[in-house]
Amino acid sequence: SISMFGYTSDPAKPLPGREIVFTPDGRKAYVA
């Protein structure tokens, strides 16, 4: 698992994960 905690302007608040896509070679993922 990968946590999305601690990246907002208010570090006590999490960010909800939305859409996810991968590069064709599978090396990187992008998550909105």
PDB file of all heavy atoms in Angstrom:
ATOM      1  N   SER A   1       0.848  -1.196   0.000  1.00  0.00           N
ATOM      2  CA  SER A   1       0.000   0.000   0.000  1.00  0.00           C
ATOM      3  C   SER A   1       0.878   1.238   0.000  1.00  0.00           C
ATOM      4  O   SER A   1       2.043   1.203   0.400  1.00  0.00           O
ATOM      5  CB  SER A   1      -0.937   0.014   1.204  1.00  0.00           C
ATOM      6  OG  SER A   1      -0.201   0.089   2.417  1.00  0.00           O
ATOM      7  N   ILE A   2       0.288   2.353  -0.456  1.00  0.00           N
ATOM      8  CA  ILE A   2       0.973   3.647  -0.499  1.00  0.00           C
ATOM      9  C   ILE A   2       0.030   4.676   0.115  1.00  0.00           C
ATOM     10  O   ILE A   2      -1.104   4.829  -0.350  1.00  0.00           O
ATOM     11  CB  ILE A   2       1.329   4.045  -1.941  1.00  0.00           C
ATOM     12  CG1 ILE A   2       2.191   2.967  -2.608  1.00  0.00           C
ATOM     13  CG2 ILE A   2       2.046   5.392  -1.968  1.00  0.00           C
ATOM     14  CD1 ILE A   2       2.363   3.158  -4.099  1.00  0.00           C
ATOM     15  N   SER A   3       0.471   5.390   1.126  1.00  0.00           N
ATOM     16  CA  SER A   3      -0.371   6.353   1.824  1.00  0.00           C
ATOM     17  C   SER A   3      -0.363   7.706   1.115  1.00  0.00           C
ATOM     18  O   SER A   3       0.656   8.125   0.562  1.00  0.00           O
ATOM     19  CB  SER A   3       0.111   6.536   3.259  1.00  0.00           C
ATOM     20  OG  SER A   3      -0.612   7.578   3.899  1.00  0.00           O
ATOM     21  N   MET A   4      -1.510   8.389   1.146  1.00  0.00           N
ATOM     22  CA  MET A   4      -1.637   9.734   0.600  1.00  0.00           C
ATOM     23  C   MET A   4      -1.697  10.774   1.720  1.00  0.00           C
ATOM     24  O   MET A   4      -2.113  11.904   1.504  1.00  0.00           O
ATOM     25  CB  MET A   4      -2.891   9.834  -0.262  1.00  0.00           C
ATOM     26  CG  MET A   4      -2.880   8.896  -1.437  1.00  0.00           C
ATOM     27  SD  MET A   4      -4.383   9.069  -2.419  1.00  0.00           S
ATOM     28  CE  MET A   4      -4.134   7.770  -3.617  1.00  0.00           C
ATOM     29  N   PHE A   5      -1.280  10.416   2.895  1.00  0.00           N
ATOM     30  CA  PHE A   5      -1.367  11.298   4.051  1.00  0.00           C
ATOM     31  C   PHE A   5      -0.180  12.255   4.078  1.00  0.00           C
ATOM     32  O   PHE A   5       0.946  11.888   3.780  1.00  0.00           O
ATOM     33  CB  PHE A   5      -1.386  10.474   5.333  1.00  0.00           C
ATOM     34  CG  PHE A   5      -1.751  11.270   6.553  1.00  0.00           C
ATOM     35  CD1 PHE A   5      -3.071  11.600   6.804  1.00  0.00           C
ATOM     36  CD2 PHE A   5      -0.786  11.686   7.444  1.00  0.00           C
ATOM     37  CE1 PHE A   5      -3.416  12.329   7.926  1.00  0.00           C
ATOM     38  CE2 PHE A   5      -1.127  12.422   8.571  1.00  0.00           C
ATOM     39  CZ  PHE A   5      -2.449  12.741   8.811  1.00  0.00           C
ATOM     40  N   GLY A   6      -0.453  13.530   4.443  1.00  0.00           N
ATOM     41  CA  GLY A   6       0.618  14.493   4.681  1.00  0.00           C
ATOM     42  C   GLY A   6       1.012  15.343   3.499  1.00  0.00           C
ATOM     43  O   GLY A   6       2.051  16.003   3.546  1.00  0.00           O
ATOM     44  N   TYR A   7       0.190  15.394   2.456  1.00  0.00           N
ATOM     45  CA  TYR A   7       0.562  16.157   1.269  1.00  0.00           C
ATOM     46  C   TYR A   7      -0.281  17.409   1.058  1.00  0.00           C
ATOM     47  O   TYR A   7      -0.036  18.161   0.122  1.00  0.00           O
ATOM     48  CB  TYR A   7       0.448  15.267   0.026  1.00  0.00           C
ATOM     49  CG  TYR A   7       1.492  14.177  -0.017  1.00  0.00           C
ATOM     50  CD1 TYR A   7       1.231  12.921   0.509  1.00  0.00           C
ATOM     51  CD2 TYR A   7       2.748  14.398  -0.571  1.00  0.00           C
ATOM     52  CE1 TYR A   7       2.176  11.917   0.482  1.00  0.00           C
ATOM     53  CE2 TYR A   7       3.706  13.397  -0.612  1.00  0.00           C
ATOM     54  CZ  TYR A   7       3.412  12.154  -0.080  1.00  0.00           C
ATOM     55  OH  TYR A   7       4.350  11.158  -0.112  1.00  0.00           O
ATOM     56  N   THR A   8      -1.281  17.666   1.899  1.00  0.00           N
ATOM     57  CA  THR A   8      -2.114  18.852   1.742  1.00  0.00           C
ATOM     58  C   THR A   8      -1.502  20.030   2.490  1.00  0.00           C
ATOM     59  O   THR A   8      -0.546  19.881   3.251  1.00  0.00           O
ATOM     60  CB  THR A   8      -3.533  18.596   2.267  1.00  0.00           C
ATOM     61  OG1 THR A   8      -3.474  18.384   3.687  1.00  0.00           O
ATOM     62  CG2 THR A   8      -4.151  17.387   1.604  1.00  0.00           C
ATOM     63  N   SER A   9      -2.104  21.203   2.262  1.00  0.00           N
ATOM     64  CA  SER A   9      -1.656  22.382   3.002  1.00  0.00           C
ATOM     65  C   SER A   9      -1.900  22.206   4.495  1.00  0.00           C
ATOM     66  O   SER A   9      -1.206  22.797   5.317  1.00  0.00           O
ATOM     67  CB  SER A   9      -2.386  23.623   2.487  1.00  0.00           C
ATOM     68  OG  SER A   9      -3.791  23.423   2.519  1.00  0.00           O
ATOM     69  N   ASP A  10      -2.907  21.415   4.844  1.00  0.00           N
ATOM     70  CA  ASP A  10      -3.139  21.029   6.233  1.00  0.00           C
ATOM     71  C   ASP A  10      -2.661  19.591   6.380  1.00  0.00           C
ATOM     72  O   ASP A  10      -3.336  18.658   5.961  1.00  0.00           O
ATOM     73  CB  ASP A  10      -4.627  21.123   6.573  1.00  0.00           C
ATOM     74  CG  ASP A  10      -4.917  20.715   8.017  1.00  0.00           C
ATOM     75  OD1 ASP A  10      -3.979  20.278   8.713  1.00  0.00           O
ATOM     76  OD2 ASP A  10      -6.082  20.838   8.433  1.00  0.00           O
ATOM     77  N   PRO A  11      -1.471  19.379   6.936  1.00  0.00           N
ATOM     78  CA  PRO A  11      -0.890  18.028   6.955  1.00  0.00           C
ATOM     79  C   PRO A  11      -1.722  17.022   7.742  1.00  0.00           C
ATOM     80  O   PRO A  11      -1.495  15.822   7.622  1.00  0.00           O
ATOM     81  CB  PRO A  11       0.483  18.248   7.609  1.00  0.00           C
ATOM     82  CG  PRO A  11       0.368  19.529   8.353  1.00  0.00           C
ATOM     83  CD  PRO A  11      -0.598  20.370   7.587  1.00  0.00           C
ATOM     84  N   ALA A  12      -2.678  17.500   8.544  1.00  0.00           N
ATOM     85  CA  ALA A  12      -3.531  16.577   9.288  1.00  0.00           C
ATOM     86  C   ALA A  12      -4.641  15.992   8.426  1.00  0.00           C
ATOM     87  O   ALA A  12      -5.338  15.088   8.848  1.00  0.00           O
ATOM     88  CB  ALA A  12      -4.137  17.279  10.500  1.00  0.00           C
ATOM     89  N   LYS A  13      -4.824  16.541   7.229  1.00  0.00           N
ATOM     90  CA  LYS A  13      -5.888  16.083   6.354  1.00  0.00           C
ATOM     91  C   LYS A  13      -5.325  15.203   5.235  1.00  0.00           C
ATOM     92  O   LYS A  13      -4.302  15.536   4.644  1.00  0.00           O
ATOM     93  CB  LYS A  13      -6.627  17.279   5.737  1.00  0.00           C
ATOM     94  CG  LYS A  13      -7.395  18.125   6.744  1.00  0.00           C
ATOM     95  CD  LYS A  13      -8.614  17.379   7.262  1.00  0.00           C
ATOM     96  CE  LYS A  13      -9.453  18.276   8.159  1.00  0.00           C
ATOM     97  NZ  LYS A  13     -10.646  17.579   8.663  1.00  0.00           N
ATOM     98  N   PRO A  14      -6.004  14.116   4.915  1.00  0.00           N
ATOM     99  CA  PRO A  14      -5.548  13.271   3.800  1.00  0.00           C
ATOM    100  C   PRO A  14      -6.132  13.730   2.477  1.00  0.00           C
ATOM    101  O   PRO A  14      -7.036  14.560   2.427  1.00  0.00           O
ATOM    102  CB  PRO A  14      -6.116  11.902   4.179  1.00  0.00           C
ATOM    103  CG  PRO A  14      -7.404  12.240   4.884  1.00  0.00           C
ATOM    104  CD  PRO A  14      -7.145  13.540   5.625  1.00  0.00           C
ATOM    105  N   LEU A  15      -5.601  13.200   1.401  1.00  0.00           N
ATOM    106  CA  LEU A  15      -6.131  13.456   0.063  1.00  0.00           C
ATOM    107  C   LEU A  15      -6.798  12.182  -0.459  1.00  0.00           C
ATOM    108  O   LEU A  15      -6.188  11.113  -0.443  1.00  0.00           O
ATOM    109  CB  LEU A  15      -5.014  13.858  -0.899  1.00  0.00           C
ATOM    110  CG  LEU A  15      -4.550  15.308  -0.819  1.00  0.00           C
ATOM    111  CD1 LEU A  15      -3.269  15.477  -1.623  1.00  0.00           C
ATOM    112  CD2 LEU A  15      -5.625  16.249  -1.342  1.00  0.00           C
ATOM    113  N   PRO A  16      -8.025  12.276  -0.923  1.00  0.00           N
ATOM    114  CA  PRO A  16      -8.671  11.090  -1.485  1.00  0.00           C
ATOM    115  C   PRO A  16      -8.059  10.720  -2.834  1.00  0.00           C
ATOM    116  O   PRO A  16      -7.775  11.579  -3.663  1.00  0.00           O
ATOM    117  CB  PRO A  16     -10.131  11.524  -1.671  1.00  0.00           C
ATOM    118  CG  PRO A  16     -10.279  12.777  -0.864  1.00  0.00           C
ATOM    119  CD  PRO A  16      -8.938  13.420  -0.851  1.00  0.00           C
ATOM    120  N   GLY A  17      -7.850   9.431  -3.051  1.00  0.00           N
ATOM    121  CA  GLY A  17      -7.349   8.955  -4.326  1.00  0.00           C
ATOM    122  C   GLY A  17      -8.475   8.829  -5.340  1.00  0.00           C
ATOM    123  O   GLY A  17      -9.583   8.413  -5.015  1.00  0.00           O
ATOM    124  N   ARG A  18      -8.191   9.203  -6.571  1.00  0.00           N
ATOM    125  CA  ARG A  18      -9.191   9.118  -7.634  1.00  0.00           C
ATOM    126  C   ARG A  18      -8.646   8.236  -8.760  1.00  0.00           C
ATOM    127  O   ARG A  18      -8.245   7.113  -8.531  1.00  0.00           O
ATOM    128  CB  ARG A  18      -9.555  10.527  -8.121  1.00  0.00           C
ATOM    129  CG  ARG A  18     -10.174  11.401  -7.016  1.00  0.00           C
ATOM    130  CD  ARG A  18     -10.653  12.725  -7.565  1.00  0.00           C
ATOM    131  NE  ARG A  18     -11.159  13.579  -6.503  1.00  0.00           N
ATOM    132  CZ  ARG A  18     -12.389  13.548  -6.021  1.00  0.00           C
ATOM    133  NH1 ARG A  18     -13.263  12.680  -6.500  1.00  0.00           N
ATOM    134  NH2 ARG A  18     -12.767  14.369  -5.054  1.00  0.00           N
ATOM    135  N   GLU A  19      -8.658   8.757  -9.978  1.00  0.00           N
ATOM    136  CA  GLU A  19      -8.241   7.981 -11.148  1.00  0.00           C
ATOM    137  C   GLU A  19      -6.769   7.586 -11.063  1.00  0.00           C
ATOM    138  O   GLU A  19      -5.949   8.294 -10.479  1.00  0.00           O
ATOM    139  CB  GLU A  19      -8.499   8.817 -12.402  1.00  0.00           C
ATOM    140  CG  GLU A  19      -8.156   8.140 -13.706  1.00  0.00           C
ATOM    141  CD  GLU A  19      -9.002   6.923 -13.976  1.00  0.00           C
ATOM    142  OE1 GLU A  19      -8.578   5.838 -13.537  1.00  0.00           O
ATOM    143  OE2 GLU A  19     -10.061   7.041 -14.623  1.00  0.00           O
ATOM    144  N   ILE A  20      -6.439   6.434 -11.656  1.00  0.00           N
ATOM    145  CA  ILE A  20      -5.063   5.943 -11.681  1.00  0.00           C
ATOM    146  C   ILE A  20      -4.758   5.406 -13.076  1.00  0.00           C
ATOM    147  O   ILE A  20      -5.595   4.736 -13.687  1.00  0.00           O
ATOM    148  CB  ILE A  20      -4.851   4.858 -10.600  1.00  0.00           C
ATOM    149  CG1 ILE A  20      -3.423   4.307 -10.645  1.00  0.00           C
ATOM    150  CG2 ILE A  20      -5.854   3.737 -10.738  1.00  0.00           C
ATOM    151  CD1 ILE A  20      -3.105   3.404  -9.472  1.00  0.00           C
ATOM    152  N   VAL A  21      -3.567   5.737 -13.602  1.00  0.00           N
ATOM    153  CA  VAL A  21      -3.132   5.235 -14.910  1.00  0.00           C
ATOM    154  C   VAL A  21      -1.652   4.866 -14.824  1.00  0.00           C
ATOM    155  O   VAL A  21      -0.926   5.359 -13.959  1.00  0.00           O
ATOM    156  CB  VAL A  21      -3.345   6.264 -16.046  1.00  0.00           C
ATOM    157  CG1 VAL A  21      -4.816   6.531 -16.282  1.00  0.00           C
ATOM    158  CG2 VAL A  21      -2.586   7.564 -15.765  1.00  0.00           C
ATOM    159  N   PHE A  22      -1.225   4.007 -15.755  1.00  0.00           N
ATOM    160  CA  PHE A  22       0.169   3.569 -15.819  1.00  0.00           C
ATOM    161  C   PHE A  22       0.780   3.977 -17.148  1.00  0.00           C
ATOM    162  O   PHE A  22       0.094   4.035 -18.177  1.00  0.00           O
ATOM    163  CB  PHE A  22       0.260   2.044 -15.680  1.00  0.00           C
ATOM    164  CG  PHE A  22      -0.149   1.523 -14.342  1.00  0.00           C
ATOM    165  CD1 PHE A  22      -1.454   1.104 -14.118  1.00  0.00           C
ATOM    166  CD2 PHE A  22       0.752   1.444 -13.296  1.00  0.00           C
ATOM    167  CE1 PHE A  22      -1.847   0.617 -12.880  1.00  0.00           C
ATOM    168  CE2 PHE A  22       0.381   0.961 -12.058  1.00  0.00           C
ATOM    169  CZ  PHE A  22      -0.928   0.551 -11.845  1.00  0.00           C
ATOM    170  N   THR A  23       2.093   4.222 -17.139  1.00  0.00           N
ATOM    171  CA  THR A  23       2.801   4.402 -18.401  1.00  0.00           C
ATOM    172  C   THR A  23       2.828   3.055 -19.120  1.00  0.00           C
ATOM    173  O   THR A  23       2.770   2.004 -18.471  1.00  0.00           O
ATOM    174  CB  THR A  23       4.231   4.905 -18.161  1.00  0.00           C
ATOM    175  OG1 THR A  23       4.919   4.002 -17.264  1.00  0.00           O
ATOM    176  CG2 THR A  23       4.222   6.302 -17.553  1.00  0.00           C
ATOM    177  N   PRO A  24       2.910   3.057 -20.451  1.00  0.00           N
ATOM    178  CA  PRO A  24       2.876   1.786 -21.182  1.00  0.00           C
ATOM    179  C   PRO A  24       3.962   0.799 -20.776  1.00  0.00           C
ATOM    180  O   PRO A  24       3.746  -0.412 -20.866  1.00  0.00           O
ATOM    181  CB  PRO A  24       3.044   2.226 -22.642  1.00  0.00           C
ATOM    182  CG  PRO A  24       2.500   3.615 -22.674  1.00  0.00           C
ATOM    183  CD  PRO A  24       2.882   4.222 -21.360  1.00  0.00           C
ATOM    184  N   ASP A  25       5.129   1.296 -20.330  1.00  0.00           N
ATOM    185  CA  ASP A  25       6.189   0.382 -19.913  1.00  0.00           C
ATOM    186  C   ASP A  25       6.008  -0.100 -18.476  1.00  0.00           C
ATOM    187  O   ASP A  25       6.780  -0.950 -18.009  1.00  0.00           O
ATOM    188  CB  ASP A  25       7.571   1.022 -20.080  1.00  0.00           C
ATOM    189  CG  ASP A  25       7.742   2.301 -19.248  1.00  0.00           C
ATOM    190  OD1 ASP A  25       6.883   2.587 -18.384  1.00  0.00           O
ATOM    191  OD2 ASP A  25       8.728   3.030 -19.468  1.00  0.00           O
ATOM    192  N   GLY A  26       5.001   0.419 -17.769  1.00  0.00           N
ATOM    193  CA  GLY A  26       4.709  -0.036 -16.424  1.00  0.00           C
ATOM    194  C   GLY A  26       5.633   0.483 -15.352  1.00  0.00           C
ATOM    195  O   GLY A  26       5.552   0.058 -14.188  1.00  0.00           O
ATOM    196  N   ARG A  27       6.503   1.423 -15.695  1.00  0.00           N
ATOM    197  CA  ARG A  27       7.464   1.906 -14.702  1.00  0.00           C
ATOM    198  C   ARG A  27       6.870   2.957 -13.760  1.00  0.00           C
ATOM    199  O   ARG A  27       7.281   3.056 -12.611  1.00  0.00           O
ATOM    200  CB  ARG A  27       8.695   2.483 -15.405  1.00  0.00           C
ATOM    201  CG  ARG A  27       9.498   1.463 -16.166  1.00  0.00           C
ATOM    202  CD  ARG A  27      10.716   2.095 -16.823  1.00  0.00           C
ATOM    203  NE  ARG A  27      11.497   1.102 -17.560  1.00  0.00           N
ATOM    204  CZ  ARG A  27      12.601   1.376 -18.234  1.00  0.00           C
ATOM    205  NH1 ARG A  27      13.063   2.634 -18.261  1.00  0.00           N
ATOM    206  NH2 ARG A  27      13.240   0.433 -18.881  1.00  0.00           N
ATOM    207  N   LYS A  28       5.956   3.758 -14.273  1.00  0.00           N
ATOM    208  CA  LYS A  28       5.381   4.823 -13.457  1.00  0.00           C
ATOM    209  C   LYS A  28       3.863   4.729 -13.434  1.00  0.00           C
ATOM    210  O   LYS A  28       3.236   4.266 -14.388  1.00  0.00           O
ATOM    211  CB  LYS A  28       5.791   6.200 -13.996  1.00  0.00           C
ATOM    212  CG  LYS A  28       7.233   6.544 -13.761  1.00  0.00           C
ATOM    213  CD  LYS A  28       7.503   8.036 -13.964  1.00  0.00           C
ATOM    214  CE  LYS A  28       7.359   8.474 -15.394  1.00  0.00           C
ATOM    215  NZ  LYS A  28       7.804   9.869 -15.590  1.00  0.00           N
ATOM    216  N   ALA A  29       3.293   5.183 -12.325  1.00  0.00           N
ATOM    217  CA  ALA A  29       1.848   5.329 -12.204  1.00  0.00           C
ATOM    218  C   ALA A  29       1.549   6.774 -11.845  1.00  0.00           C
ATOM    219  O   ALA A  29       2.361   7.453 -11.189  1.00  0.00           O
ATOM    220  CB  ALA A  29       1.290   4.395 -11.129  1.00  0.00           C
ATOM    221  N   TYR A  30       0.377   7.244 -12.280  1.00  0.00           N
ATOM    222  CA  TYR A  30      -0.101   8.579 -11.923  1.00  0.00           C
ATOM    223  C   TYR A  30      -1.450   8.422 -11.241  1.00  0.00           C
ATOM    224  O   TYR A  30      -2.324   7.695 -11.727  1.00  0.00           O
ATOM    225  CB  TYR A  30      -0.251   9.462 -13.164  1.00  0.00           C
ATOM    226  CG  TYR A  30       1.046   9.752 -13.876  1.00  0.00           C
ATOM    227  CD1 TYR A  30       1.504   8.909 -14.883  1.00  0.00           C
ATOM    228  CD2 TYR A  30       1.818  10.867 -13.537  1.00  0.00           C
ATOM    229  CE1 TYR A  30       2.695   9.178 -15.540  1.00  0.00           C
ATOM    230  CE2 TYR A  30       3.008  11.137 -14.198  1.00  0.00           C
ATOM    231  CZ  TYR A  30       3.444  10.288 -15.192  1.00  0.00           C
ATOM    232  OH  TYR A  30       4.625  10.551 -15.841  1.00  0.00           O
ATOM    233  N   VAL A  31      -1.609   9.112 -10.116  1.00  0.00           N
ATOM    234  CA  VAL A  31      -2.857   9.044  -9.356  1.00  0.00           C
ATOM    235  C   VAL A  31      -3.352  10.457  -9.094  1.00  0.00           C
ATOM    236  O   VAL A  31      -2.633  11.280  -8.518  1.00  0.00           O
ATOM    237  CB  VAL A  31      -2.677   8.294  -8.019  1.00  0.00           C
ATOM    238  CG1 VAL A  31      -3.959   8.339  -7.202  1.00  0.00           C
ATOM    239  CG2 VAL A  31      -2.274   6.852  -8.268  1.00  0.00           C
ATOM    240  N   ALA A  32      -4.573  10.744  -9.539  1.00  0.00           N
ATOM    241  CA  ALA A  32      -5.198  12.030  -9.217  1.00  0.00           C
ATOM    242  C   ALA A  32      -5.672  11.973  -7.777  1.00  0.00           C
ATOM    243  O   ALA A  32      -6.396  11.057  -7.382  1.00  0.00           O
ATOM    244  CB  ALA A  32      -6.367  12.297 -10.162  1.00  0.00           C
TER     245      ALA A  32
END
